[in-house]
Amino acid sequence: MLLVYDVTDRVSFSDLKVWMTAIREHAAENIKMVLVANKVDDLEAREVTRFEGQNTARENGMMYFEVSAK
């Protein structure tokens, strides 16, 4: 399961908690989740640090990737 948030939008990062809870409640017990940070090309508008993303992924047993759709 891919969970994607926008690094330029802190609310999208905060909403991950809601999505992770819903997935854990409704998906198979052994589901794998991957955290993807999008829009990393927009350095000036970045609101969520790489550290925050990596830490959230590590705490939840997920792989972490930073990408740009640009």
PDB file of N, CA and C in Angstrom:
ATOM      1  N   MET A   1       0.855  -1.164   0.000  1.00  0.00           N
ATOM      2  CA  MET A   1       0.000   0.000   0.000  1.00  0.00           C
ATOM      3  C   MET A   1       0.897   1.222   0.000  1.00  0.00           C
ATOM      4  N   LEU A   2       0.712   2.104  -0.948  1.00  0.00           N
ATOM      5  CA  LEU A   2       1.466   3.350  -1.014  1.00  0.00           C
ATOM      6  C   LEU A   2       0.703   4.452  -0.292  1.00  0.00           C
ATOM      7  N   LEU A   3       1.397   5.121   0.602  1.00  0.00           N
ATOM      8  CA  LEU A   3       0.855   6.307   1.255  1.00  0.00           C
ATOM      9  C   LEU A   3       1.692   7.474   0.772  1.00  0.00           C
ATOM     10  N   VAL A   4       1.057   8.441   0.116  1.00  0.00           N
ATOM     11  CA  VAL A   4       1.769   9.563  -0.482  1.00  0.00           C
ATOM     12  C   VAL A   4       1.321  10.856   0.197  1.00  0.00           C
ATOM     13  N   TYR A   5       2.303  11.681   0.549  1.00  0.00           N
ATOM     14  CA  TYR A   5       1.975  13.003   1.075  1.00  0.00           C
ATOM     15  C   TYR A   5       2.781  14.052   0.313  1.00  0.00           C
ATOM     16  N   ASP A   6       2.323  15.277   0.412  1.00  0.00           N
ATOM     17  CA  ASP A   6       2.912  16.421  -0.274  1.00  0.00           C
ATOM     18  C   ASP A   6       3.830  17.141   0.711  1.00  0.00           C
ATOM     19  N   VAL A   7       5.129  17.211   0.437  1.00  0.00           N
ATOM     20  CA  VAL A   7       6.060  17.856   1.368  1.00  0.00           C
ATOM     21  C   VAL A   7       5.818  19.354   1.499  1.00  0.00           C
ATOM     22  N   THR A   8       5.041  19.932   0.603  1.00  0.00           N
ATOM     23  CA  THR A   8       4.731  21.356   0.678  1.00  0.00           C
ATOM     24  C   THR A   8       3.417  21.617   1.409  1.00  0.00           C
ATOM     25  N   ASP A   9       2.823  20.571   1.966  1.00  0.00           N
ATOM     26  CA  ASP A   9       1.525  20.676   2.639  1.00  0.00           C
ATOM     27  C   ASP A   9       1.538  19.859   3.935  1.00  0.00           C
ATOM     28  N   ARG A  10       1.769  20.526   5.060  1.00  0.00           N
ATOM     29  CA  ARG A  10       1.873  19.840   6.342  1.00  0.00           C
ATOM     30  C   ARG A  10       0.603  19.062   6.681  1.00  0.00           C
ATOM     31  N   VAL A  11      -0.555  19.555   6.269  1.00  0.00           N
ATOM     32  CA  VAL A  11      -1.812  18.863   6.559  1.00  0.00           C
ATOM     33  C   VAL A  11      -1.818  17.476   5.914  1.00  0.00           C
ATOM     34  N   SER A  12      -1.304  17.361   4.712  1.00  0.00           N
ATOM     35  CA  SER A  12      -1.279  16.050   4.051  1.00  0.00           C
ATOM     36  C   SER A  12      -0.396  15.081   4.833  1.00  0.00           C
ATOM     37  N   PHE A  13       0.671  15.589   5.454  1.00  0.00           N
ATOM     38  CA  PHE A  13       1.539  14.754   6.286  1.00  0.00           C
ATOM     39  C   PHE A  13       0.814  14.365   7.574  1.00  0.00           C
ATOM     40  N   SER A  14       0.139  15.300   8.190  1.00  0.00           N
ATOM     41  CA  SER A  14      -0.606  15.025   9.429  1.00  0.00           C
ATOM     42  C   SER A  14      -1.720  14.011   9.203  1.00  0.00           C
ATOM     43  N   ASP A  15      -2.335  14.065   8.037  1.00  0.00           N
ATOM     44  CA  ASP A  15      -3.430  13.140   7.714  1.00  0.00           C
ATOM     45  C   ASP A  15      -2.961  11.694   7.582  1.00  0.00           C
ATOM     46  N   LEU A  16      -1.661  11.464   7.485  1.00  0.00           N
ATOM     47  CA  LEU A  16      -1.149  10.088   7.376  1.00  0.00           C
ATOM     48  C   LEU A  16      -1.602   9.228   8.546  1.00  0.00           C
ATOM     49  N   LYS A  17      -1.677   9.812   9.730  1.00  0.00           N
ATOM     50  CA  LYS A  17      -2.091   9.053  10.916  1.00  0.00           C
ATOM     51  C   LYS A  17      -3.481   8.466  10.723  1.00  0.00           C
ATOM     52  N   VAL A  18      -4.378   9.255  10.162  1.00  0.00           N
ATOM     53  CA  VAL A  18      -5.747   8.790   9.911  1.00  0.00           C
ATOM     54  C   VAL A  18      -5.741   7.645   8.909  1.00  0.00           C
ATOM     55  N   TRP A  19      -4.981   7.821   7.816  1.00  0.00           N
ATOM     56  CA  TRP A  19      -4.923   6.795   6.777  1.00  0.00           C
ATOM     57  C   TRP A  19      -4.285   5.506   7.288  1.00  0.00           C
ATOM     58  N   MET A  20      -3.209   5.618   8.067  1.00  0.00           N
ATOM     59  CA  MET A  20      -2.555   4.417   8.592  1.00  0.00           C
ATOM     60  C   MET A  20      -3.473   3.658   9.535  1.00  0.00           C
ATOM     61  N   THR A  21      -4.230   4.382  10.348  1.00  0.00           N
ATOM     62  CA  THR A  21      -5.181   3.737  11.251  1.00  0.00           C
ATOM     63  C   THR A  21      -6.255   3.001  10.465  1.00  0.00           C
ATOM     64  N   ALA A  22      -6.801   3.650   9.446  1.00  0.00           N
ATOM     65  CA  ALA A  22      -7.846   3.022   8.628  1.00  0.00           C
ATOM     66  C   ALA A  22      -7.320   1.773   7.921  1.00  0.00           C
ATOM     67  N   ILE A  23      -6.115   1.856   7.410  1.00  0.00           N
ATOM     68  CA  ILE A  23      -5.531   0.700   6.717  1.00  0.00           C
ATOM     69  C   ILE A  23      -5.354  -0.457   7.691  1.00  0.00           C
ATOM     70  N   ARG A  24      -4.825  -0.156   8.856  1.00  0.00           N
ATOM     71  CA  ARG A  24      -4.604  -1.223   9.850  1.00  0.00           C
ATOM     72  C   ARG A  24      -5.920  -1.856  10.305  1.00  0.00           C
ATOM     73  N   GLU A  25      -6.979  -1.066  10.344  1.00  0.00           N
ATOM     74  CA  GLU A  25      -8.286  -1.584  10.770  1.00  0.00           C
ATOM     75  C   GLU A  25      -8.965  -2.424   9.694  1.00  0.00           C
ATOM     76  N   HIS A  26      -8.732  -2.105   8.426  1.00  0.00           N
ATOM     77  CA  HIS A  26      -9.524  -2.719   7.361  1.00  0.00           C
ATOM     78  C   HIS A  26      -8.749  -3.610   6.399  1.00  0.00           C
ATOM     79  N   ALA A  27      -7.434  -3.540   6.424  1.00  0.00           N
ATOM     80  CA  ALA A  27      -6.636  -4.336   5.486  1.00  0.00           C
ATOM     81  C   ALA A  27      -6.153  -5.623   6.150  1.00  0.00           C
ATOM     82  N   ALA A  28      -5.582  -6.476   5.345  1.00  0.00           N
ATOM     83  CA  ALA A  28      -5.017  -7.718   5.858  1.00  0.00           C
ATOM     84  C   ALA A  28      -3.928  -7.395   6.885  1.00  0.00           C
ATOM     85  N   GLU A  29      -3.779  -8.248   7.855  1.00  0.00           N
ATOM     86  CA  GLU A  29      -2.844  -8.021   8.952  1.00  0.00           C
ATOM     87  C   GLU A  29      -1.400  -7.852   8.477  1.00  0.00           C
ATOM     88  N   ASN A  30      -1.038  -8.544   7.426  1.00  0.00           N
ATOM     89  CA  ASN A  30       0.355  -8.523   6.959  1.00  0.00           C
ATOM     90  C   ASN A  30       0.601  -7.534   5.813  1.00  0.00           C
ATOM     91  N   ILE A  31      -0.283  -6.555   5.651  1.00  0.00           N
ATOM     92  CA  ILE A  31      -0.124  -5.591   4.552  1.00  0.00           C
ATOM     93  C   ILE A  31       1.167  -4.786   4.728  1.00  0.00           C
ATOM     94  N   LYS A  32       1.839  -4.542   3.640  1.00  0.00           N
ATOM     95  CA  LYS A  32       3.055  -3.743   3.631  1.00  0.00           C
ATOM     96  C   LYS A  32       2.699  -2.330   3.187  1.00  0.00           C
ATOM     97  N   MET A  33       3.202  -1.343   3.907  1.00  0.00           N
ATOM     98  CA  MET A  33       2.961   0.051   3.554  1.00  0.00           C
ATOM     99  C   MET A  33       4.293   0.716   3.207  1.00  0.00           C
ATOM    100  N   VAL A  34       4.257   1.598   2.220  1.00  0.00           N
ATOM    101  CA  VAL A  34       5.421   2.358   1.782  1.00  0.00           C
ATOM    102  C   VAL A  34       5.042   3.830   1.851  1.00  0.00           C
ATOM    103  N   LEU A  35       5.905   4.638   2.455  1.00  0.00           N
ATOM    104  CA  LEU A  35       5.653   6.072   2.571  1.00  0.00           C
ATOM    105  C   LEU A  35       6.407   6.809   1.473  1.00  0.00           C
ATOM    106  N   VAL A  36       5.673   7.633   0.715  1.00  0.00           N
ATOM    107  CA  VAL A  36       6.251   8.367  -0.409  1.00  0.00           C
ATOM    108  C   VAL A  36       6.019   9.866  -0.203  1.00  0.00           C
ATOM    109  N   ALA A  37       7.107  10.616  -0.198  1.00  0.00           N
ATOM    110  CA  ALA A  37       7.053  12.075  -0.092  1.00  0.00           C
ATOM    111  C   ALA A  37       7.117  12.653  -1.506  1.00  0.00           C
ATOM    112  N   ASN A  38       6.109  13.403  -1.889  1.00  0.00           N
ATOM    113  CA  ASN A  38       6.039  13.955  -3.238  1.00  0.00           C
ATOM    114  C   ASN A  38       6.341  15.461  -3.225  1.00  0.00           C
ATOM    115  N   LYS A  39       6.699  15.988  -4.374  1.00  0.00           N
ATOM    116  CA  LYS A  39       6.997  17.405  -4.626  1.00  0.00           C
ATOM    117  C   LYS A  39       8.305  17.856  -3.978  1.00  0.00           C
ATOM    118  N   VAL A  40       9.265  16.961  -3.872  1.00  0.00           N
ATOM    119  CA  VAL A  40      10.535  17.332  -3.244  1.00  0.00           C
ATOM    120  C   VAL A  40      11.346  18.311  -4.085  1.00  0.00           C
ATOM    121  N   ASP A  41      10.937  18.548  -5.323  1.00  0.00           N
ATOM    122  CA  ASP A  41      11.628  19.508  -6.181  1.00  0.00           C
ATOM    123  C   ASP A  41      11.355  20.956  -5.755  1.00  0.00           C
ATOM    124  N   ASP A  42      10.298  21.183  -4.997  1.00  0.00           N
ATOM    125  CA  ASP A  42       9.909  22.541  -4.589  1.00  0.00           C
ATOM    126  C   ASP A  42      10.531  22.868  -3.225  1.00  0.00           C
ATOM    127  N   LEU A  43      11.834  23.105  -3.218  1.00  0.00           N
ATOM    128  CA  LEU A  43      12.587  23.298  -1.980  1.00  0.00           C
ATOM    129  C   LEU A  43      12.121  24.500  -1.170  1.00  0.00           C
ATOM    130  N   GLU A  44      11.749  25.562  -1.833  1.00  0.00           N
ATOM    131  CA  GLU A  44      11.344  26.784  -1.125  1.00  0.00           C
ATOM    132  C   GLU A  44      10.018  26.630  -0.396  1.00  0.00           C
ATOM    133  N   ALA A  45       9.145  25.777  -0.909  1.00  0.00           N
ATOM    134  CA  ALA A  45       7.816  25.613  -0.314  1.00  0.00           C
ATOM    135  C   ALA A  45       7.739  24.437   0.653  1.00  0.00           C
ATOM    136  N   ARG A  46       8.836  23.732   0.829  1.00  0.00           N
ATOM    137  CA  ARG A  46       8.831  22.522   1.658  1.00  0.00           C
ATOM    138  C   ARG A  46       8.450  22.850   3.100  1.00  0.00           C
ATOM    139  N   GLU A  47       7.472  22.100   3.633  1.00  0.00           N
ATOM    140  CA  GLU A  47       7.012  22.268   5.008  1.00  0.00           C
ATOM    141  C   GLU A  47       7.340  21.051   5.871  1.00  0.00           C
ATOM    142  N   VAL A  48       7.568  19.908   5.246  1.00  0.00           N
ATOM    143  CA  VAL A  48       7.849  18.670   5.974  1.00  0.00           C
ATOM    144  C   VAL A  48       9.271  18.240   5.628  1.00  0.00           C
ATOM    145  N   THR A  49      10.112  18.068   6.641  1.00  0.00           N
ATOM    146  CA  THR A  49      11.505  17.725   6.394  1.00  0.00           C
ATOM    147  C   THR A  49      11.665  16.248   6.049  1.00  0.00           C
ATOM    148  N   ARG A  50      12.796  15.948   5.436  1.00  0.00           N
ATOM    149  CA  ARG A  50      13.131  14.555   5.129  1.00  0.00           C
ATOM    150  C   ARG A  50      13.194  13.750   6.424  1.00  0.00           C
ATOM    151  N   PHE A  51      13.775  14.340   7.464  1.00  0.00           N
ATOM    152  CA  PHE A  51      13.883  13.660   8.755  1.00  0.00           C
ATOM    153  C   PHE A  51      12.511  13.249   9.281  1.00  0.00           C
ATOM    154  N   GLU A  52      11.537  14.144   9.198  1.00  0.00           N
ATOM    155  CA  GLU A  52      10.184  13.839   9.684  1.00  0.00           C
ATOM    156  C   GLU A  52       9.591  12.662   8.917  1.00  0.00           C
ATOM    157  N   GLY A  53       9.755  12.680   7.616  1.00  0.00           N
ATOM    158  CA  GLY A  53       9.237  11.587   6.795  1.00  0.00           C
ATOM    159  C   GLY A  53       9.924  10.274   7.109  1.00  0.00           C
ATOM    160  N   GLN A  54      11.246  10.302   7.180  1.00  0.00           N
ATOM    161  CA  GLN A  54      12.000   9.084   7.482  1.00  0.00           C
ATOM    162  C   GLN A  54      11.649   8.553   8.867  1.00  0.00           C
ATOM    163  N   ASN A  55      11.510   9.437   9.824  1.00  0.00           N
ATOM    164  CA  ASN A  55      11.184   9.030  11.185  1.00  0.00           C
ATOM    165  C   ASN A  55       9.800   8.388  11.254  1.00  0.00           C
ATOM    166  N   THR A  56       8.830   8.968  10.580  1.00  0.00           N
ATOM    167  CA  THR A  56       7.479   8.402  10.553  1.00  0.00           C
ATOM    168  C   THR A  56       7.501   7.016   9.914  1.00  0.00           C
ATOM    169  N   ALA A  57       8.222   6.892   8.825  1.00  0.00           N
ATOM    170  CA  ALA A  57       8.325   5.592   8.149  1.00  0.00           C
ATOM    171  C   ALA A  57       8.976   4.564   9.067  1.00  0.00           C
ATOM    172  N   ARG A  58      10.067   4.930   9.697  1.00  0.00           N
ATOM    173  CA  ARG A  58      10.789   4.004  10.581  1.00  0.00           C
ATOM    174  C   ARG A  58       9.897   3.569  11.755  1.00  0.00           C
ATOM    175  N   GLU A  59       9.203   4.510  12.361  1.00  0.00           N
ATOM    176  CA  GLU A  59       8.337   4.208  13.504  1.00  0.00           C
ATOM    177  C   GLU A  59       7.205   3.256  13.127  1.00  0.00           C
ATOM    178  N   ASN A  60       6.828   3.249  11.855  1.00  0.00           N
ATOM    179  CA  ASN A  60       5.704   2.434  11.409  1.00  0.00           C
ATOM    180  C   ASN A  60       6.119   1.255  10.540  1.00  0.00           C
ATOM    181  N   GLY A  61       7.416   0.967  10.512  1.00  0.00           N
ATOM    182  CA  GLY A  61       7.909  -0.193   9.770  1.00  0.00           C
ATOM    183  C   GLY A  61       7.732  -0.096   8.268  1.00  0.00           C
ATOM    184  N   MET A  62       7.859   1.119   7.721  1.00  0.00           N
ATOM    185  CA  MET A  62       7.657   1.325   6.290  1.00  0.00           C
ATOM    186  C   MET A  62       8.963   1.703   5.606  1.00  0.00           C
ATOM    187  N   MET A  63       9.054   1.413   4.320  1.00  0.00           N
ATOM    188  CA  MET A  63      10.120   1.957   3.491  1.00  0.00           C
ATOM    189  C   MET A  63       9.748   3.404   3.193  1.00  0.00           C
ATOM    190  N   TYR A  64      10.754   4.223   2.860  1.00  0.00           N
ATOM    191  CA  TYR A  64      10.527   5.644   2.620  1.00  0.00           C
ATOM    192  C   TYR A  64      11.226   6.075   1.333  1.00  0.00           C
ATOM    193  N   PHE A  65      10.495   6.838   0.519  1.00  0.00           N
ATOM    194  CA  PHE A  65      11.049   7.359  -0.730  1.00  0.00           C
ATOM    195  C   PHE A  65      10.634   8.811  -0.886  1.00  0.00           C
ATOM    196  N   GLU A  66      11.523   9.610  -1.468  1.00  0.00           N
ATOM    197  CA  GLU A  66      11.188  10.986  -1.841  1.00  0.00           C
ATOM    198  C   GLU A  66      11.188  11.052  -3.360  1.00  0.00           C
ATOM    199  N   VAL A  67      10.138  11.676  -3.926  1.00  0.00           N
ATOM    200  CA  VAL A  67       9.981  11.733  -5.376  1.00  0.00           C
ATOM    201  C   VAL A  67       9.485  13.112  -5.803  1.00  0.00           C
ATOM    202  N   SER A  68       9.572  13.319  -7.107  1.00  0.00           N
ATOM    203  CA  SER A  68       9.004  14.509  -7.720  1.00  0.00           C
ATOM    204  C   SER A  68       8.262  14.069  -8.973  1.00  0.00           C
ATOM    205  N   ALA A  69       7.032  14.529  -9.107  1.00  0.00           N
ATOM    206  CA  ALA A  69       6.251  14.204 -10.298  1.00  0.00           C
ATOM    207  C   ALA A  69       6.575  15.173 -11.431  1.00  0.00           C
ATOM    208  N   LYS A  70       7.414  16.141 -11.150  1.00  0.00           N
ATOM    209  CA  LYS A  70       7.758  17.164 -12.146  1.00  0.00           C
ATOM    210  C   LYS A  70       8.629  16.592 -13.239  1.00  0.00           C
TER     211      LYS A  70
END
